[in-house]
């Protein structure tokens, strides 16, 4: 992005100039670029030492991490980079729901992001109605698909495990 455009964006949203500065939402540049899906800038900031799990603090942010925002947008390459750099796949927002990146992807019905998170070990309790861990499904309709995907992955791994066991005998 040309420098004059960056300055214009900074003025409009009170965008941070450095990775540790925050805008009016409590977001760092890492949050902003993760939301946009800008892998090059995400890598640059992480290489500069920005905390991969930095939580945003603002009136509506409540501890959202860059991974939450990348998952919400379905940005798989950014999600992969963040996880490779140590992002907490089960980071929870603060507040009543305590949403994880998986919830954000499910709310936006980003099936590829849901699959990616589930395949990489995102936590799903056994009971979808367990309000200690999940918001009601009417807030997050894509969460039901996440459970279907988890069951599919478990079936795939158990059937491949059975095949390898039977071939050993």
C-alpha atoms as a PDB file:
ATOM      1  CA  UNK A   1       0.000   0.000   0.000  1.00  0.00           C
ATOM      2  CA  UNK A   2       1.542   3.378  -0.951  1.00  0.00           C
ATOM      3  CA  UNK A   3       2.553   5.544   2.010  1.00  0.00           C
ATOM      4  CA  UNK A   4      -0.003   8.280   1.232  1.00  0.00           C
ATOM      5  CA  UNK A   5      -2.813   5.662   1.337  1.00  0.00           C
ATOM      6  CA  UNK A   6      -1.591   4.298   4.669  1.00  0.00           C
ATOM      7  CA  UNK A   7      -1.561   7.811   6.145  1.00  0.00           C
ATOM      8  CA  UNK A   8      -5.087   8.402   4.834  1.00  0.00           C
ATOM      9  CA  UNK A   9      -6.310   5.152   6.416  1.00  0.00           C
ATOM     10  CA  UNK A  10      -4.566   6.020   9.690  1.00  0.00           C
ATOM     11  CA  UNK A  11      -6.402   9.338   9.900  1.00  0.00           C
ATOM     12  CA  UNK A  12      -9.811   7.788   9.159  1.00  0.00           C
ATOM     13  CA  UNK A  13      -9.632   4.925  11.698  1.00  0.00           C
ATOM     14  CA  UNK A  14      -6.954   6.232  14.051  1.00  0.00           C
ATOM     15  CA  UNK A  15      -4.850   3.336  12.819  1.00  0.00           C
ATOM     16  CA  UNK A  16      -1.780   2.463  14.874  1.00  0.00           C
ATOM     17  CA  UNK A  17       1.613   3.359  13.463  1.00  0.00           C
ATOM     18  CA  UNK A  18       3.486   0.556  15.245  1.00  0.00           C
ATOM     19  CA  UNK A  19       2.643  -3.046  16.083  1.00  0.00           C
ATOM     20  CA  UNK A  20       2.139  -2.186  19.762  1.00  0.00           C
ATOM     21  CA  UNK A  21      -0.061   0.875  19.187  1.00  0.00           C
ATOM     22  CA  UNK A  22      -3.809   0.430  19.047  1.00  0.00           C
ATOM     23  CA  UNK A  23      -6.601   2.020  17.049  1.00  0.00           C
ATOM     24  CA  UNK A  24      -9.971   3.154  18.418  1.00  0.00           C
ATOM     25  CA  UNK A  25     -11.173  -0.487  18.506  1.00  0.00           C
ATOM     26  CA  UNK A  26      -8.170  -1.587  20.546  1.00  0.00           C
ATOM     27  CA  UNK A  27      -6.685  -3.381  17.526  1.00  0.00           C
ATOM     28  CA  UNK A  28      -2.993  -3.537  16.647  1.00  0.00           C
ATOM     29  CA  UNK A  29      -1.703  -3.611  13.081  1.00  0.00           C
ATOM     30  CA  UNK A  30      -1.543  -7.400  13.397  1.00  0.00           C
ATOM     31  CA  UNK A  31      -5.302  -7.481  14.060  1.00  0.00           C
ATOM     32  CA  UNK A  32      -5.953  -5.221  11.083  1.00  0.00           C
ATOM     33  CA  UNK A  33      -3.865  -7.224   8.626  1.00  0.00           C
ATOM     34  CA  UNK A  34      -5.161 -10.568   9.918  1.00  0.00           C
ATOM     35  CA  UNK A  35      -8.732  -9.355   9.333  1.00  0.00           C
ATOM     36  CA  UNK A  36      -7.800  -8.241   5.813  1.00  0.00           C
ATOM     37  CA  UNK A  37      -6.041 -11.538   5.083  1.00  0.00           C
ATOM     38  CA  UNK A  38      -2.783  -9.756   4.249  1.00  0.00           C
ATOM     39  CA  UNK A  39      -0.264 -12.586   4.706  1.00  0.00           C
ATOM     40  CA  UNK A  40       2.779 -10.516   3.731  1.00  0.00           C
ATOM     41  CA  UNK A  41       2.081  -7.856   6.368  1.00  0.00           C
ATOM     42  CA  UNK A  42       1.163 -10.453   9.003  1.00  0.00           C
ATOM     43  CA  UNK A  43       4.509 -12.170   8.430  1.00  0.00           C
ATOM     44  CA  UNK A  44       6.361  -8.866   8.537  1.00  0.00           C
ATOM     45  CA  UNK A  45       4.803  -7.902  11.879  1.00  0.00           C
ATOM     46  CA  UNK A  46       5.442 -11.324  13.384  1.00  0.00           C
ATOM     47  CA  UNK A  47       9.048 -11.169  12.192  1.00  0.00           C
ATOM     48  CA  UNK A  48       9.337  -7.802  13.928  1.00  0.00           C
ATOM     49  CA  UNK A  49       8.305  -9.476  17.177  1.00  0.00           C
ATOM     50  CA  UNK A  50       4.622  -8.593  17.520  1.00  0.00           C
ATOM     51  CA  UNK A  51       2.904 -11.040  19.900  1.00  0.00           C
ATOM     52  CA  UNK A  52       0.900 -13.544  17.837  1.00  0.00           C
ATOM     53  CA  UNK A  53      -1.674 -13.795  20.662  1.00  0.00           C
ATOM     54  CA  UNK A  54      -2.070 -10.065  21.303  1.00  0.00           C
ATOM     55  CA  UNK A  55      -5.603  -9.416  22.548  1.00  0.00           C
ATOM     56  CA  UNK A  56      -7.553  -6.354  21.426  1.00  0.00           C
ATOM     57  CA  UNK A  57      -9.118  -4.224  24.137  1.00  0.00           C
ATOM     58  CA  UNK A  58     -11.836  -1.788  23.253  1.00  0.00           C
ATOM     59  CA  UNK A  59     -15.566  -1.242  23.737  1.00  0.00           C
ATOM     60  CA  UNK A  60     -16.435  -4.012  21.266  1.00  0.00           C
ATOM     61  CA  UNK A  61     -13.209  -6.026  21.089  1.00  0.00           C
ATOM     62  CA  UNK A  62     -13.217  -7.910  24.403  1.00  0.00           C
ATOM     63  CA  UNK A  63      -9.944  -9.740  23.905  1.00  0.00           C
ATOM     64  CA  UNK A  64     -10.253 -10.759  20.264  1.00  0.00           C
ATOM     65  CA  UNK A  65      -6.974 -12.074  18.815  1.00  0.00           C
ATOM     66  CA  UNK A  66      -5.626 -11.879  15.262  1.00  0.00           C
ATOM     67  CA  UNK A  67      -6.607 -15.541  14.814  1.00  0.00           C
ATOM     68  CA  UNK A  68     -10.230 -14.703  15.699  1.00  0.00           C
ATOM     69  CA  UNK A  69     -10.263 -12.090  12.940  1.00  0.00           C
ATOM     70  CA  UNK A  70      -8.526 -14.249  10.344  1.00  0.00           C
ATOM     71  CA  UNK A  71     -10.988 -17.077  11.085  1.00  0.00           C
ATOM     72  CA  UNK A  72     -13.937 -14.708  10.809  1.00  0.00           C
ATOM     73  CA  UNK A  73     -12.750 -13.723   7.329  1.00  0.00           C
ATOM     74  CA  UNK A  74     -11.872 -17.273   6.329  1.00  0.00           C
ATOM     75  CA  UNK A  75      -8.245 -16.340   5.584  1.00  0.00           C
ATOM     76  CA  UNK A  76      -6.671 -19.813   5.657  1.00  0.00           C
ATOM     77  CA  UNK A  77      -3.111 -18.794   4.788  1.00  0.00           C
ATOM     78  CA  UNK A  78      -3.075 -16.156   7.530  1.00  0.00           C
ATOM     79  CA  UNK A  79      -4.628 -18.625   9.982  1.00  0.00           C
ATOM     80  CA  UNK A  80      -1.943 -21.175   9.102  1.00  0.00           C
ATOM     81  CA  UNK A  81       0.842 -18.624   9.589  1.00  0.00           C
ATOM     82  CA  UNK A  82      -0.565 -17.513  12.943  1.00  0.00           C
ATOM     83  CA  UNK A  83      -0.828 -21.112  14.164  1.00  0.00           C
ATOM     84  CA  UNK A  84       2.691 -21.891  12.937  1.00  0.00           C
ATOM     85  CA  UNK A  85       3.899 -18.941  15.010  1.00  0.00           C
ATOM     86  CA  UNK A  86       2.158 -20.160  18.168  1.00  0.00           C
ATOM     87  CA  UNK A  87      -1.329 -18.638  18.062  1.00  0.00           C
ATOM     88  CA  UNK A  88      -3.699 -20.153  20.605  1.00  0.00           C
ATOM     89  CA  UNK A  89      -6.271 -22.037  18.518  1.00  0.00           C
ATOM     90  CA  UNK A  90      -8.706 -21.998  21.458  1.00  0.00           C
ATOM     91  CA  UNK A  91      -8.197 -18.385  22.601  1.00  0.00           C
ATOM     92  CA  UNK A  92     -11.408 -17.072  24.146  1.00  0.00           C
ATOM     93  CA  UNK A  93     -12.829 -13.599  24.078  1.00  0.00           C
ATOM     94  CA  UNK A  94     -13.774 -12.094  27.411  1.00  0.00           C
ATOM     95  CA  UNK A  95     -17.432 -11.803  28.314  1.00  0.00           C
ATOM     96  CA  UNK A  96     -20.473 -14.005  28.511  1.00  0.00           C
ATOM     97  CA  UNK A  97     -19.835 -16.182  25.452  1.00  0.00           C
ATOM     98  CA  UNK A  98     -16.075 -16.590  25.449  1.00  0.00           C
ATOM     99  CA  UNK A  99     -15.902 -17.165  21.704  1.00  0.00           C
ATOM    100  CA  UNK A 100     -12.974 -18.943  20.093  1.00  0.00           C
ATOM    101  CA  UNK A 101     -11.708 -18.495  16.520  1.00  0.00           C
ATOM    102  CA  UNK A 102     -13.852 -21.531  15.640  1.00  0.00           C
ATOM    103  CA  UNK A 103     -16.977 -19.694  16.807  1.00  0.00           C
ATOM    104  CA  UNK A 104     -16.048 -16.700  14.650  1.00  0.00           C
ATOM    105  CA  UNK A 105     -15.576 -18.882  11.567  1.00  0.00           C
ATOM    106  CA  UNK A 106     -18.823 -20.726  12.290  1.00  0.00           C
ATOM    107  CA  UNK A 107     -20.815 -17.544  12.819  1.00  0.00           C
ATOM    108  CA  UNK A 108     -19.710 -16.340   9.394  1.00  0.00           C
ATOM    109  CA  UNK A 109     -20.277 -19.825   7.908  1.00  0.00           C
ATOM    110  CA  UNK A 110     -16.712 -20.046   6.644  1.00  0.00           C
ATOM    111  CA  UNK A 111     -16.691 -23.815   6.100  1.00  0.00           C
ATOM    112  CA  UNK A 112     -13.094 -24.023   4.885  1.00  0.00           C
ATOM    113  CA  UNK A 113     -11.946 -22.100   7.971  1.00  0.00           C
ATOM    114  CA  UNK A 114     -14.066 -24.333  10.218  1.00  0.00           C
ATOM    115  CA  UNK A 115     -12.563 -27.442   8.628  1.00  0.00           C
ATOM    116  CA  UNK A 116      -9.055 -26.001   8.952  1.00  0.00           C
ATOM    117  CA  UNK A 117      -9.516 -25.221  12.656  1.00  0.00           C
ATOM    118  CA  UNK A 118     -11.093 -28.598  13.433  1.00  0.00           C
ATOM    119  CA  UNK A 119      -8.337 -30.431  11.547  1.00  0.00           C
ATOM    120  CA  UNK A 120      -5.765 -28.480  13.530  1.00  0.00           C
ATOM    121  CA  UNK A 121      -7.267 -29.422  16.891  1.00  0.00           C
ATOM    122  CA  UNK A 122      -9.753 -26.680  17.773  1.00  0.00           C
ATOM    123  CA  UNK A 123     -11.706 -27.718  20.866  1.00  0.00           C
ATOM    124  CA  UNK A 124     -15.360 -28.700  20.532  1.00  0.00           C
ATOM    125  CA  UNK A 125     -17.148 -30.078  23.588  1.00  0.00           C
ATOM    126  CA  UNK A 126     -19.263 -33.185  23.041  1.00  0.00           C
ATOM    127  CA  UNK A 127     -22.567 -31.372  23.657  1.00  0.00           C
ATOM    128  CA  UNK A 128     -23.388 -28.506  21.307  1.00  0.00           C
ATOM    129  CA  UNK A 129     -25.911 -27.193  23.844  1.00  0.00           C
ATOM    130  CA  UNK A 130     -23.296 -26.839  26.577  1.00  0.00           C
ATOM    131  CA  UNK A 131     -23.612 -23.101  27.242  1.00  0.00           C
ATOM    132  CA  UNK A 132     -20.476 -23.108  29.385  1.00  0.00           C
ATOM    133  CA  UNK A 133     -18.453 -23.482  26.200  1.00  0.00           C
ATOM    134  CA  UNK A 134     -20.670 -22.427  23.297  1.00  0.00           C
ATOM    135  CA  UNK A 135     -23.221 -19.763  22.562  1.00  0.00           C
ATOM    136  CA  UNK A 136     -26.672 -21.027  21.534  1.00  0.00           C
ATOM    137  CA  UNK A 137     -26.664 -22.285  17.966  1.00  0.00           C
ATOM    138  CA  UNK A 138     -29.031 -19.540  16.810  1.00  0.00           C
ATOM    139  CA  UNK A 139     -26.156 -17.096  17.433  1.00  0.00           C
ATOM    140  CA  UNK A 140     -23.750 -19.344  15.607  1.00  0.00           C
ATOM    141  CA  UNK A 141     -25.575 -21.530  13.069  1.00  0.00           C
ATOM    142  CA  UNK A 142     -22.362 -22.664  11.370  1.00  0.00           C
ATOM    143  CA  UNK A 143     -21.311 -24.384  14.585  1.00  0.00           C
ATOM    144  CA  UNK A 144     -23.553 -27.347  13.750  1.00  0.00           C
ATOM    145  CA  UNK A 145     -21.538 -27.845  10.572  1.00  0.00           C
ATOM    146  CA  UNK A 146     -18.353 -27.786  12.692  1.00  0.00           C
ATOM    147  CA  UNK A 147     -19.698 -30.772  14.640  1.00  0.00           C
ATOM    148  CA  UNK A 148     -20.525 -32.602  11.430  1.00  0.00           C
ATOM    149  CA  UNK A 149     -16.979 -31.941  10.208  1.00  0.00           C
ATOM    150  CA  UNK A 150     -15.504 -33.172  13.505  1.00  0.00           C
ATOM    151  CA  UNK A 151     -17.536 -36.402  13.269  1.00  0.00           C
ATOM    152  CA  UNK A 152     -16.382 -36.874   9.667  1.00  0.00           C
ATOM    153  CA  UNK A 153     -12.737 -36.411  10.667  1.00  0.00           C
ATOM    154  CA  UNK A 154     -13.130 -38.852  13.565  1.00  0.00           C
ATOM    155  CA  UNK A 155     -14.727 -41.428  11.278  1.00  0.00           C
ATOM    156  CA  UNK A 156     -11.978 -40.971   8.699  1.00  0.00           C
ATOM    157  CA  UNK A 157      -9.241 -41.419  11.303  1.00  0.00           C
ATOM    158  CA  UNK A 158     -10.901 -44.430  12.942  1.00  0.00           C
ATOM    159  CA  UNK A 159     -11.489 -46.167   9.598  1.00  0.00           C
ATOM    160  CA  UNK A 160      -7.896 -45.538   8.515  1.00  0.00           C
ATOM    161  CA  UNK A 161      -6.725 -46.796  11.910  1.00  0.00           C
ATOM    162  CA  UNK A 162      -8.771 -49.964  11.524  1.00  0.00           C
ATOM    163  CA  UNK A 163      -7.317 -50.550   8.082  1.00  0.00           C
ATOM    164  CA  UNK A 164      -3.743 -50.241   9.307  1.00  0.00           C
ATOM    165  CA  UNK A 165      -4.445 -52.549  12.264  1.00  0.00           C
ATOM    166  CA  UNK A 166      -6.013 -55.229  10.077  1.00  0.00           C
ATOM    167  CA  UNK A 167      -3.144 -55.113   7.594  1.00  0.00           C
ATOM    168  CA  UNK A 168      -0.663 -55.802  10.426  1.00  0.00           C
ATOM    169  CA  UNK A 169      -2.313 -59.144  11.313  1.00  0.00           C
END
